[in-house]
Amino acid sequence: MRPSPIQRLAFAGRSFLLKRDDLLHPHLSGNKARKFHFLQQKQDIKEIHSFGSLHSNAMYSLSFLAKESGLSFIYYARPDPSLKSPKGNLRAALDNGMILRPLEEWPYDKALARTIQIGSRLYIPEGGRCPEAQEGIAILAKEIVEWAKKERTTPTIFLPSGTGTTALFLQKYLPFRVYTTPCVGDEAYLEEQFEALDPTALKPTVVPPPKKYRFGRLYPELFALWQELKTQTGVTFDLLYDPIGFATLLHHELLDENLLYIHQGGIMGNETMIERYKAKLDKIAKTDKGTQ
């Protein structure tokens, strides 16, 4: 895995640095390439089991890794009534041979924060939330340290979090301050994830978003921010996490020339998000027109 590039960009009149982990691999989604790096050393498994949503980046990345290694991939999820046909991450994962099962059949606690191996079957927590993930994240930290040494700079690091796995292990292996914001649950939820993963590790600094966003819910202002990010930087960001990340940075005035933002990929999931946003915005436009 070659180091991902770092670019200097500008947004909203502010200069910042971007670590392009979205460019690591065309089929391994950014931080999932880091989190699942440990699977390259697993030679004694024939099946991978995991769970989560039908739009998950981790789901697609695991399906690709399983296909490449000749393994079976069984994924447990709740059905999505709004999804009329497979699209985005789900379609690609099914094309890779993923086997879907009801979430009720997942055999362990959904709060699981470690992998479990039973014979040749490996059970991976949602989103790769496990101590083994730090192996690949330590490589990311090393890349940042080597770059900072070469550039003679001391950056602050920022990334939005789901389970907080990447942020936690980055702070563990970096001499720089790591900031993050919760995109799933609130600050207390994120702190709980940190404790479950590694209670002794130095924790990242959790910065609250400008308001409470419910995960997966559509917010027109976040879609507008995502569009503006692409226009001003020329970079396509993820629609679930990155708009919340940049909204938080702008709200707390943390976006500056010394900040290194980690682009964690997740672009394939944008397909279904864009469709949902277009439907919502069309509905809003029709409603507004009807009230005029």
C-alpha atoms as a PDB file:
ATOM      1  CA  MET A   1       0.000   0.000   0.000  1.00  0.00           C
ATOM      2  CA  ARG A   2       1.649   3.216  -1.206  1.00  0.00           C
ATOM      3  CA  PRO A   3       1.276   6.385   0.868  1.00  0.00           C
ATOM      4  CA  SER A   4      -1.703   8.450  -0.219  1.00  0.00           C
ATOM      5  CA  PRO A   5      -0.904  11.995  -1.432  1.00  0.00           C
ATOM      6  CA  ILE A   6      -1.441  15.198   0.527  1.00  0.00           C
ATOM      7  CA  GLN A   7      -2.774  18.281  -1.259  1.00  0.00           C
ATOM      8  CA  ARG A   8      -3.200  21.889  -0.238  1.00  0.00           C
ATOM      9  CA  LEU A   9      -6.654  23.166  -1.089  1.00  0.00           C
ATOM     10  CA  ALA A  10      -8.905  26.085  -0.254  1.00  0.00           C
ATOM     11  CA  PHE A  11     -12.535  26.191   0.849  1.00  0.00           C
ATOM     12  CA  ALA A  12     -14.673  29.070   2.105  1.00  0.00           C
ATOM     13  CA  GLY A  13     -11.661  31.363   1.808  1.00  0.00           C
ATOM     14  CA  ARG A  14      -9.512  29.139   4.016  1.00  0.00           C
ATOM     15  CA  SER A  15      -6.466  27.068   3.087  1.00  0.00           C
ATOM     16  CA  PHE A  16      -6.178  23.522   4.432  1.00  0.00           C
ATOM     17  CA  LEU A  17      -4.430  20.197   3.739  1.00  0.00           C
ATOM     18  CA  LEU A  18      -6.154  17.046   2.490  1.00  0.00           C
ATOM     19  CA  LYS A  19      -4.851  13.503   2.956  1.00  0.00           C
ATOM     20  CA  ARG A  20      -6.254  11.636  -0.058  1.00  0.00           C
ATOM     21  CA  ASP A  21      -6.917   8.194   1.401  1.00  0.00           C
ATOM     22  CA  ASP A  22      -9.792   8.018  -1.075  1.00  0.00           C
ATOM     23  CA  LEU A  23      -7.124   7.361  -3.734  1.00  0.00           C
ATOM     24  CA  LEU A  24      -5.568   4.344  -1.998  1.00  0.00           C
ATOM     25  CA  HIS A  25      -7.443   1.735  -4.022  1.00  0.00           C
ATOM     26  CA  PRO A  26     -10.376   1.802  -6.488  1.00  0.00           C
ATOM     27  CA  HIS A  27     -12.255  -0.929  -4.587  1.00  0.00           C
ATOM     28  CA  LEU A  28     -11.194  -0.405  -0.973  1.00  0.00           C
ATOM     29  CA  SER A  29     -12.940   2.613   0.401  1.00  0.00           C
ATOM     30  CA  GLY A  30     -10.409   4.901   2.044  1.00  0.00           C
ATOM     31  CA  ASN A  31     -10.196   4.110   5.735  1.00  0.00           C
ATOM     32  CA  LYS A  32     -11.514   0.591   5.095  1.00  0.00           C
ATOM     33  CA  ALA A  33      -8.259  -0.163   3.287  1.00  0.00           C
ATOM     34  CA  ARG A  34      -6.560   0.812   6.546  1.00  0.00           C
ATOM     35  CA  LYS A  35      -8.983  -0.956   8.896  1.00  0.00           C
ATOM     36  CA  PHE A  36      -8.991  -4.242   6.988  1.00  0.00           C
ATOM     37  CA  HIS A  37      -5.249  -4.312   6.298  1.00  0.00           C
ATOM     38  CA  PHE A  38      -4.924  -7.045   8.934  1.00  0.00           C
ATOM     39  CA  LEU A  39      -6.928  -9.438   6.749  1.00  0.00           C
ATOM     40  CA  GLN A  40      -3.939  -9.750   4.428  1.00  0.00           C
ATOM     41  CA  GLN A  41      -2.239 -11.805   7.150  1.00  0.00           C
ATOM     42  CA  LYS A  42      -5.213 -14.092   7.801  1.00  0.00           C
ATOM     43  CA  GLN A  43      -4.446 -17.322   5.967  1.00  0.00           C
ATOM     44  CA  ASP A  44      -6.640 -19.635   8.051  1.00  0.00           C
ATOM     45  CA  ILE A  45     -10.126 -18.370   7.244  1.00  0.00           C
ATOM     46  CA  LYS A  46     -12.669 -19.384   4.625  1.00  0.00           C
ATOM     47  CA  GLU A  47     -15.611 -17.191   5.623  1.00  0.00           C
ATOM     48  CA  ILE A  48     -15.958 -13.555   6.650  1.00  0.00           C
ATOM     49  CA  HIS A  49     -19.070 -12.522   8.583  1.00  0.00           C
ATOM     50  CA  SER A  50     -20.082  -8.954   9.417  1.00  0.00           C
ATOM     51  CA  PHE A  51     -23.174  -6.773   9.800  1.00  0.00           C
ATOM     52  CA  GLY A  52     -24.454  -3.253   9.313  1.00  0.00           C
ATOM     53  CA  SER A  53     -26.550  -1.210   6.909  1.00  0.00           C
ATOM     54  CA  LEU A  54     -27.254  -2.031   3.275  1.00  0.00           C
ATOM     55  CA  HIS A  55     -25.426   1.151   2.231  1.00  0.00           C
ATOM     56  CA  SER A  56     -22.236   0.445   4.197  1.00  0.00           C
ATOM     57  CA  ASN A  57     -18.786   1.202   2.778  1.00  0.00           C
ATOM     58  CA  ALA A  58     -17.363  -1.545   4.987  1.00  0.00           C
ATOM     59  CA  MET A  59     -19.807  -4.039   3.471  1.00  0.00           C
ATOM     60  CA  TYR A  60     -18.586  -3.299  -0.046  1.00  0.00           C
ATOM     61  CA  SER A  61     -14.900  -3.303   0.926  1.00  0.00           C
ATOM     62  CA  LEU A  62     -15.225  -6.665   2.701  1.00  0.00           C
ATOM     63  CA  SER A  63     -17.065  -8.126  -0.294  1.00  0.00           C
ATOM     64  CA  PHE A  64     -14.183  -7.097  -2.547  1.00  0.00           C
ATOM     65  CA  LEU A  65     -11.538  -8.504  -0.193  1.00  0.00           C
ATOM     66  CA  ALA A  66     -13.455 -11.777   0.111  1.00  0.00           C
ATOM     67  CA  LYS A  67     -13.805 -12.085  -3.660  1.00  0.00           C
ATOM     68  CA  GLU A  68     -10.106 -11.380  -4.221  1.00  0.00           C
ATOM     69  CA  SER A  69      -9.107 -13.985  -1.627  1.00  0.00           C
ATOM     70  CA  GLY A  70     -11.619 -16.647  -2.679  1.00  0.00           C
ATOM     71  CA  LEU A  71     -13.537 -16.398   0.611  1.00  0.00           C
ATOM     72  CA  SER A  72     -17.257 -16.454   1.327  1.00  0.00           C
ATOM     73  CA  PHE A  73     -18.719 -13.225   2.683  1.00  0.00           C
ATOM     74  CA  ILE A  74     -21.902 -13.361   4.726  1.00  0.00           C
ATOM     75  CA  TYR A  75     -23.458 -10.031   5.683  1.00  0.00           C
ATOM     76  CA  TYR A  76     -26.314  -9.454   8.137  1.00  0.00           C
ATOM     77  CA  ALA A  77     -28.613  -6.459   7.654  1.00  0.00           C
ATOM     78  CA  ARG A  78     -32.131  -5.165   8.093  1.00  0.00           C
ATOM     79  CA  PRO A  79     -34.098  -4.851   4.844  1.00  0.00           C
ATOM     80  CA  ASP A  80     -34.578  -1.325   3.520  1.00  0.00           C
ATOM     81  CA  PRO A  81     -38.190  -0.867   2.292  1.00  0.00           C
ATOM     82  CA  SER A  82     -37.210   2.302   0.415  1.00  0.00           C
ATOM     83  CA  LEU A  83     -34.664   0.392  -1.669  1.00  0.00           C
ATOM     84  CA  LYS A  84     -36.572  -0.933  -4.681  1.00  0.00           C
ATOM     85  CA  SER A  85     -33.526  -2.490  -6.340  1.00  0.00           C
ATOM     86  CA  PRO A  86     -29.845  -2.911  -5.366  1.00  0.00           C
ATOM     87  CA  LYS A  87     -27.770   0.218  -6.008  1.00  0.00           C
ATOM     88  CA  GLY A  88     -24.423   1.673  -5.026  1.00  0.00           C
ATOM     89  CA  ASN A  89     -22.522  -0.286  -2.392  1.00  0.00           C
ATOM     90  CA  LEU A  90     -25.209  -2.966  -2.139  1.00  0.00           C
ATOM     91  CA  ARG A  91     -25.289  -3.700  -5.845  1.00  0.00           C
ATOM     92  CA  ALA A  92     -21.483  -3.874  -6.033  1.00  0.00           C
ATOM     93  CA  ALA A  93     -21.252  -6.108  -2.952  1.00  0.00           C
ATOM     94  CA  LEU A  94     -23.855  -8.522  -4.347  1.00  0.00           C
ATOM     95  CA  ASP A  95     -21.968  -8.572  -7.646  1.00  0.00           C
ATOM     96  CA  ASN A  96     -18.921  -9.623  -5.640  1.00  0.00           C
ATOM     97  CA  GLY A  97     -20.829 -12.651  -4.335  1.00  0.00           C
ATOM     98  CA  MET A  98     -21.942 -11.355  -0.929  1.00  0.00           C
ATOM     99  CA  ILE A  99     -24.564 -13.497   0.816  1.00  0.00           C
ATOM    100  CA  LEU A 100     -27.263 -11.503   2.637  1.00  0.00           C
ATOM    101  CA  ARG A 101     -28.889 -12.712   5.846  1.00  0.00           C
ATOM    102  CA  PRO A 102     -31.357 -11.069   8.252  1.00  0.00           C
ATOM    103  CA  LEU A 103     -29.748  -9.004  11.000  1.00  0.00           C
ATOM    104  CA  GLU A 104     -31.568 -11.143  13.582  1.00  0.00           C
ATOM    105  CA  GLU A 105     -29.296 -14.045  12.623  1.00  0.00           C
ATOM    106  CA  TRP A 106     -26.112 -12.188  13.640  1.00  0.00           C
ATOM    107  CA  PRO A 107     -24.869 -14.453  16.464  1.00  0.00           C
ATOM    108  CA  TYR A 108     -23.152 -11.878  18.703  1.00  0.00           C
ATOM    109  CA  ASP A 109     -23.843  -8.659  20.576  1.00  0.00           C
ATOM    110  CA  LYS A 110     -24.159  -5.770  18.105  1.00  0.00           C
ATOM    111  CA  ALA A 111     -21.912  -3.740  20.413  1.00  0.00           C
ATOM    112  CA  LEU A 112     -19.079  -6.201  19.728  1.00  0.00           C
ATOM    113  CA  ALA A 113     -15.712  -4.395  19.603  1.00  0.00           C
ATOM    114  CA  ARG A 114     -13.423  -7.274  18.631  1.00  0.00           C
ATOM    115  CA  THR A 115     -13.203  -9.962  16.006  1.00  0.00           C
ATOM    116  CA  ILE A 116     -14.167 -13.538  16.834  1.00  0.00           C
ATOM    117  CA  GLN A 117     -12.766 -16.522  14.980  1.00  0.00           C
ATOM    118  CA  ILE A 118     -14.550 -19.857  15.118  1.00  0.00           C
ATOM    119  CA  GLY A 119     -12.616 -22.385  13.108  1.00  0.00           C
ATOM    120  CA  SER A 120     -12.317 -20.948   9.604  1.00  0.00           C
ATOM    121  CA  ARG A 121     -15.062 -18.331  10.168  1.00  0.00           C
ATOM    122  CA  LEU A 122     -14.095 -14.768  11.107  1.00  0.00           C
ATOM    123  CA  TYR A 123     -16.711 -12.441  12.612  1.00  0.00           C
ATOM    124  CA  ILE A 124     -15.929  -8.732  12.167  1.00  0.00           C
ATOM    125  CA  PRO A 125     -17.835  -6.006  14.084  1.00  0.00           C
ATOM    126  CA  GLU A 126     -19.790  -3.343  12.231  1.00  0.00           C
ATOM    127  CA  GLY A 127     -17.581  -1.034  10.211  1.00  0.00           C
ATOM    128  CA  GLY A 128     -14.368  -2.814  11.225  1.00  0.00           C
ATOM    129  CA  ARG A 129     -14.594  -1.674  14.835  1.00  0.00           C
ATOM    130  CA  CYS A 130     -11.884  -3.917  16.292  1.00  0.00           C
ATOM    131  CA  PRO A 131      -8.374  -3.702  17.790  1.00  0.00           C
ATOM    132  CA  GLU A 132      -6.893  -5.356  14.675  1.00  0.00           C
ATOM    133  CA  ALA A 133      -7.832  -2.238  12.700  1.00  0.00           C
ATOM    134  CA  GLN A 134      -4.975  -0.355  14.327  1.00  0.00           C
ATOM    135  CA  GLU A 135      -2.436  -2.281  12.235  1.00  0.00           C
ATOM    136  CA  GLY A 136      -3.372  -0.409   9.067  1.00  0.00           C
ATOM    137  CA  ILE A 137      -4.140   2.856  10.864  1.00  0.00           C
ATOM    138  CA  ALA A 138      -0.633   2.778  12.373  1.00  0.00           C
ATOM    139  CA  ILE A 139       0.675   2.770   8.792  1.00  0.00           C
ATOM    140  CA  LEU A 140      -1.432   5.848   8.050  1.00  0.00           C
ATOM    141  CA  ALA A 141      -0.020   7.560  11.145  1.00  0.00           C
ATOM    142  CA  LYS A 142       3.531   6.735  10.032  1.00  0.00           C
ATOM    143  CA  GLU A 143       2.858   8.302   6.628  1.00  0.00           C
ATOM    144  CA  ILE A 144       1.644  11.503   8.289  1.00  0.00           C
ATOM    145  CA  VAL A 145       4.628  11.658  10.667  1.00  0.00           C
ATOM    146  CA  GLU A 146       7.115  11.169   7.825  1.00  0.00           C
ATOM    147  CA  TRP A 147       5.392  13.815   5.723  1.00  0.00           C
ATOM    148  CA  ALA A 148       5.319  16.289   8.637  1.00  0.00           C
ATOM    149  CA  LYS A 149       9.015  15.708   9.326  1.00  0.00           C
ATOM    150  CA  LYS A 150       9.870  16.337   5.685  1.00  0.00           C
ATOM    151  CA  GLU A 151       7.727  19.484   5.590  1.00  0.00           C
ATOM    152  CA  ARG A 152       8.922  20.603   9.031  1.00  0.00           C
ATOM    153  CA  THR A 153       5.393  21.190  10.226  1.00  0.00           C
ATOM    154  CA  THR A 154       3.191  20.205  13.153  1.00  0.00           C
ATOM    155  CA  PRO A 155      -0.314  19.705  11.768  1.00  0.00           C
ATOM    156  CA  THR A 156      -3.574  19.194  13.587  1.00  0.00           C
ATOM    157  CA  ILE A 157      -5.592  16.268  12.250  1.00  0.00           C
ATOM    158  CA  PHE A 158      -9.327  16.153  11.619  1.00  0.00           C
ATOM    159  CA  LEU A 159     -11.727  13.452  10.444  1.00  0.00           C
ATOM    160  CA  PRO A 160     -15.437  12.790  10.999  1.00  0.00           C
ATOM    161  CA  SER A 161     -16.280   9.587  12.888  1.00  0.00           C
ATOM    162  CA  GLY A 162     -18.804   6.771  12.820  1.00  0.00           C
ATOM    163  CA  THR A 163     -17.504   4.240  15.332  1.00  0.00           C
ATOM    164  CA  GLY A 164     -14.435   6.411  15.954  1.00  0.00           C
ATOM    165  CA  THR A 165     -12.013   3.556  15.239  1.00  0.00           C
ATOM    166  CA  THR A 166      -9.773   5.465  12.835  1.00  0.00           C
ATOM    167  CA  ALA A 167      -9.678   8.610  14.976  1.00  0.00           C
ATOM    168  CA  LEU A 168      -8.843   6.670  18.141  1.00  0.00           C
ATOM    169  CA  PHE A 169      -5.969   4.706  16.666  1.00  0.00           C
ATOM    170  CA  LEU A 170      -4.624   7.727  14.792  1.00  0.00           C
ATOM    171  CA  GLN A 171      -4.364   9.572  18.107  1.00  0.00           C
ATOM    172  CA  LYS A 172      -2.702   6.514  19.619  1.00  0.00           C
ATOM    173  CA  TYR A 173       0.053   6.510  16.993  1.00  0.00           C
ATOM    174  CA  LEU A 174       0.416  10.220  16.225  1.00  0.00           C
ATOM    175  CA  PRO A 175       2.325  12.878  18.197  1.00  0.00           C
ATOM    176  CA  PHE A 176      -0.151  15.452  16.846  1.00  0.00           C
ATOM    177  CA  ARG A 177      -3.566  16.420  18.142  1.00  0.00           C
ATOM    178  CA  VAL A 178      -6.458  14.584  16.480  1.00  0.00           C
ATOM    179  CA  TYR A 179      -9.916  16.170  16.308  1.00  0.00           C
ATOM    180  CA  THR A 180     -13.079  14.356  15.335  1.00  0.00           C
ATOM    181  CA  THR A 181     -16.837  14.881  15.339  1.00  0.00           C
ATOM    182  CA  PRO A 182     -19.593  12.281  15.779  1.00  0.00           C
ATOM    183  CA  CYS A 183     -21.726  11.469  12.732  1.00  0.00           C
ATOM    184  CA  VAL A 184     -23.463   8.501  14.393  1.00  0.00           C
ATOM    185  CA  GLY A 185     -24.921   9.311  17.807  1.00  0.00           C
ATOM    186  CA  ASP A 186     -23.526  12.122  19.946  1.00  0.00           C
ATOM    187  CA  GLU A 187     -20.277  12.910  21.749  1.00  0.00           C
ATOM    188  CA  ALA A 188     -21.126  10.544  24.617  1.00  0.00           C
ATOM    189  CA  TYR A 189     -21.744   7.698  22.158  1.00  0.00           C
ATOM    190  CA  LEU A 190     -18.362   8.321  20.522  1.00  0.00           C
ATOM    191  CA  GLU A 191     -16.584   8.359  23.880  1.00  0.00           C
ATOM    192  CA  GLU A 192     -18.205   4.990  24.662  1.00  0.00           C
ATOM    193  CA  GLN A 193     -16.844   3.568  21.412  1.00  0.00           C
ATOM    194  CA  PHE A 194     -13.355   4.749  22.337  1.00  0.00           C
ATOM    195  CA  GLU A 195     -13.569   3.094  25.753  1.00  0.00           C
ATOM    196  CA  ALA A 196     -14.818  -0.200  24.309  1.00  0.00           C
ATOM    197  CA  LEU A 197     -11.995  -0.343  21.770  1.00  0.00           C
ATOM    198  CA  ASP A 198      -9.044   0.703  23.928  1.00  0.00           C
ATOM    199  CA  PRO A 199      -9.731   2.124  27.422  1.00  0.00           C
ATOM    200  CA  THR A 200      -6.045   2.927  28.033  1.00  0.00           C
ATOM    201  CA  ALA A 201      -5.349   4.850  24.807  1.00  0.00           C
ATOM    202  CA  LEU A 202      -5.084   8.640  24.631  1.00  0.00           C
ATOM    203  CA  LYS A 203      -8.406   9.786  23.198  1.00  0.00           C
ATOM    204  CA  PRO A 204      -8.967  12.194  20.288  1.00  0.00           C
ATOM    205  CA  THR A 205     -10.551  15.563  20.968  1.00  0.00           C
ATOM    206  CA  VAL A 206     -14.275  15.298  20.209  1.00  0.00           C
ATOM    207  CA  VAL A 207     -15.773  18.456  18.701  1.00  0.00           C
ATOM    208  CA  PRO A 208     -19.595  18.687  18.619  1.00  0.00           C
ATOM    209  CA  PRO A 209     -21.272  19.363  15.261  1.00  0.00           C
ATOM    210  CA  PRO A 210     -23.141  22.670  14.867  1.00  0.00           C
ATOM    211  CA  LYS A 211     -26.410  20.831  15.521  1.00  0.00           C
ATOM    212  CA  LYS A 212     -27.614  17.287  16.085  1.00  0.00           C
ATOM    213  CA  TYR A 213     -27.742  15.342  12.836  1.00  0.00           C
ATOM    214  CA  ARG A 214     -29.504  11.996  12.739  1.00  0.00           C
ATOM    215  CA  PHE A 215     -27.359   9.505  10.867  1.00  0.00           C
ATOM    216  CA  GLY A 216     -28.606   8.857   7.350  1.00  0.00           C
ATOM    217  CA  ARG A 217     -31.265  11.580   7.492  1.00  0.00           C
ATOM    218  CA  LEU A 218     -31.237  14.108   4.657  1.00  0.00           C
ATOM    219  CA  TYR A 219     -30.333  17.752   5.371  1.00  0.00           C
ATOM    220  CA  PRO A 220     -30.513  20.078   2.341  1.00  0.00           C
ATOM    221  CA  GLU A 221     -27.892  22.401   3.847  1.00  0.00           C
ATOM    222  CA  LEU A 222     -25.414  19.504   4.034  1.00  0.00           C
ATOM    223  CA  PHE A 223     -26.083  18.591   0.402  1.00  0.00           C
ATOM    224  CA  ALA A 224     -25.465  22.212  -0.586  1.00  0.00           C
ATOM    225  CA  LEU A 225     -22.221  22.191   1.413  1.00  0.00           C
ATOM    226  CA  TRP A 226     -21.139  18.951  -0.309  1.00  0.00           C
ATOM    227  CA  GLN A 227     -21.807  20.497  -3.727  1.00  0.00           C
ATOM    228  CA  GLU A 228     -19.861  23.629  -2.810  1.00  0.00           C
ATOM    229  CA  LEU A 229     -16.936  21.536  -1.577  1.00  0.00           C
ATOM    230  CA  LYS A 230     -16.726  19.826  -4.964  1.00  0.00           C
ATOM    231  CA  THR A 231     -17.008  23.127  -6.823  1.00  0.00           C
ATOM    232  CA  GLN A 232     -14.322  24.909  -4.822  1.00  0.00           C
ATOM    233  CA  THR A 233     -11.836  22.060  -4.327  1.00  0.00           C
ATOM    234  CA  GLY A 234     -12.442  19.825  -7.351  1.00  0.00           C
ATOM    235  CA  VAL A 235     -12.625  16.852  -4.974  1.00  0.00           C
ATOM    236  CA  THR A 236     -15.636  14.576  -4.525  1.00  0.00           C
ATOM    237  CA  PHE A 237     -16.289  13.874  -0.848  1.00  0.00           C
ATOM    238  CA  ASP A 238     -18.519  11.336   0.873  1.00  0.00           C
ATOM    239  CA  LEU A 239     -22.085  12.539   1.418  1.00  0.00           C
ATOM    240  CA  LEU A 240     -22.713  10.897   4.800  1.00  0.00           C
ATOM    241  CA  TYR A 241     -19.728  11.993   6.853  1.00  0.00           C
ATOM    242  CA  ASP A 242     -17.754  14.751   5.145  1.00  0.00           C
ATOM    243  CA  PRO A 243     -20.457  17.459   5.023  1.00  0.00           C
ATOM    244  CA  ILE A 244     -20.890  17.077   8.783  1.00  0.00           C
ATOM    245  CA  GLY A 245     -17.117  17.195   9.140  1.00  0.00           C
ATOM    246  CA  PHE A 246     -16.745  20.455   7.211  1.00  0.00           C
ATOM    247  CA  ALA A 247     -19.832  21.998   8.810  1.00  0.00           C
ATOM    248  CA  THR A 248     -18.203  21.329  12.183  1.00  0.00           C
ATOM    249  CA  LEU A 249     -14.859  22.784  11.095  1.00  0.00           C
ATOM    250  CA  LEU A 250     -16.481  25.970   9.818  1.00  0.00           C
ATOM    251  CA  HIS A 251     -18.724  26.320  12.879  1.00  0.00           C
ATOM    252  CA  HIS A 252     -15.784  26.080  15.299  1.00  0.00           C
ATOM    253  CA  GLU A 253     -13.396  28.005  12.998  1.00  0.00           C
ATOM    254  CA  LEU A 254     -10.934  25.109  12.945  1.00  0.00           C
ATOM    255  CA  LEU A 255     -10.346  25.101   9.188  1.00  0.00           C
ATOM    256  CA  ASP A 256      -6.917  26.662   8.681  1.00  0.00           C
ATOM    257  CA  GLU A 257      -3.639  26.190   6.816  1.00  0.00           C
ATOM    258  CA  ASN A 258      -2.250  23.887   9.530  1.00  0.00           C
ATOM    259  CA  LEU A 259      -5.192  21.463   9.504  1.00  0.00           C
ATOM    260  CA  LEU A 260      -4.859  18.092   7.783  1.00  0.00           C
ATOM    261  CA  TYR A 261      -8.247  16.625   6.859  1.00  0.00           C
ATOM    262  CA  ILE A 262      -8.362  12.866   6.254  1.00  0.00           C
ATOM    263  CA  HIS A 263     -10.462  11.964   3.201  1.00  0.00           C
ATOM    264  CA  GLN A 264     -11.698   8.464   4.098  1.00  0.00           C
ATOM    265  CA  GLY A 265     -13.331   7.557   0.775  1.00  0.00           C
ATOM    266  CA  GLY A 266     -16.867   6.200   0.689  1.00  0.00           C
ATOM    267  CA  ILE A 267     -17.647   7.706  -2.702  1.00  0.00           C
ATOM    268  CA  MET A 268     -19.561   4.703  -4.076  1.00  0.00           C
ATOM    269  CA  GLY A 269     -22.197   5.194  -1.407  1.00  0.00           C
ATOM    270  CA  ASN A 270     -22.956   8.628  -2.881  1.00  0.00           C
ATOM    271  CA  GLU A 271     -25.046   7.064  -5.662  1.00  0.00           C
ATOM    272  CA  THR A 272     -27.969   6.206  -3.404  1.00  0.00           C
ATOM    273  CA  MET A 273     -27.541   9.354  -1.287  1.00  0.00           C
ATOM    274  CA  ILE A 274     -27.743  11.611  -4.352  1.00  0.00           C
ATOM    275  CA  GLU A 275     -30.920   9.868  -5.529  1.00  0.00           C
ATOM    276  CA  ARG A 276     -32.507  10.356  -2.106  1.00  0.00           C
ATOM    277  CA  TYR A 277     -31.477  14.018  -1.991  1.00  0.00           C
ATOM    278  CA  LYS A 278     -32.826  14.704  -5.475  1.00  0.00           C
ATOM    279  CA  ALA A 279     -36.181  13.172  -4.532  1.00  0.00           C
ATOM    280  CA  LYS A 280     -36.324  15.218  -1.310  1.00  0.00           C
ATOM    281  CA  LEU A 281     -35.298  18.477  -2.980  1.00  0.00           C
ATOM    282  CA  ASP A 282     -37.819  17.951  -5.791  1.00  0.00           C
ATOM    283  CA  LYS A 283     -40.508  17.412  -3.160  1.00  0.00           C
ATOM    284  CA  ILE A 284     -39.468  20.592  -1.332  1.00  0.00           C
ATOM    285  CA  ALA A 285     -39.501  22.548  -4.604  1.00  0.00           C
ATOM    286  CA  LYS A 286     -43.000  21.291  -5.445  1.00  0.00           C
ATOM    287  CA  THR A 287     -44.242  22.128  -1.947  1.00  0.00           C
ATOM    288  CA  ASP A 288     -42.782  25.636  -2.135  1.00  0.00           C
ATOM    289  CA  LYS A 289     -44.316  26.169  -5.561  1.00  0.00           C
ATOM    290  CA  GLY A 290     -47.702  25.025  -4.289  1.00  0.00           C
ATOM    291  CA  THR A 291     -47.655  27.585  -1.464  1.00  0.00           C
ATOM    292  CA  GLN A 292     -46.865  30.556  -3.685  1.00  0.00           C
END
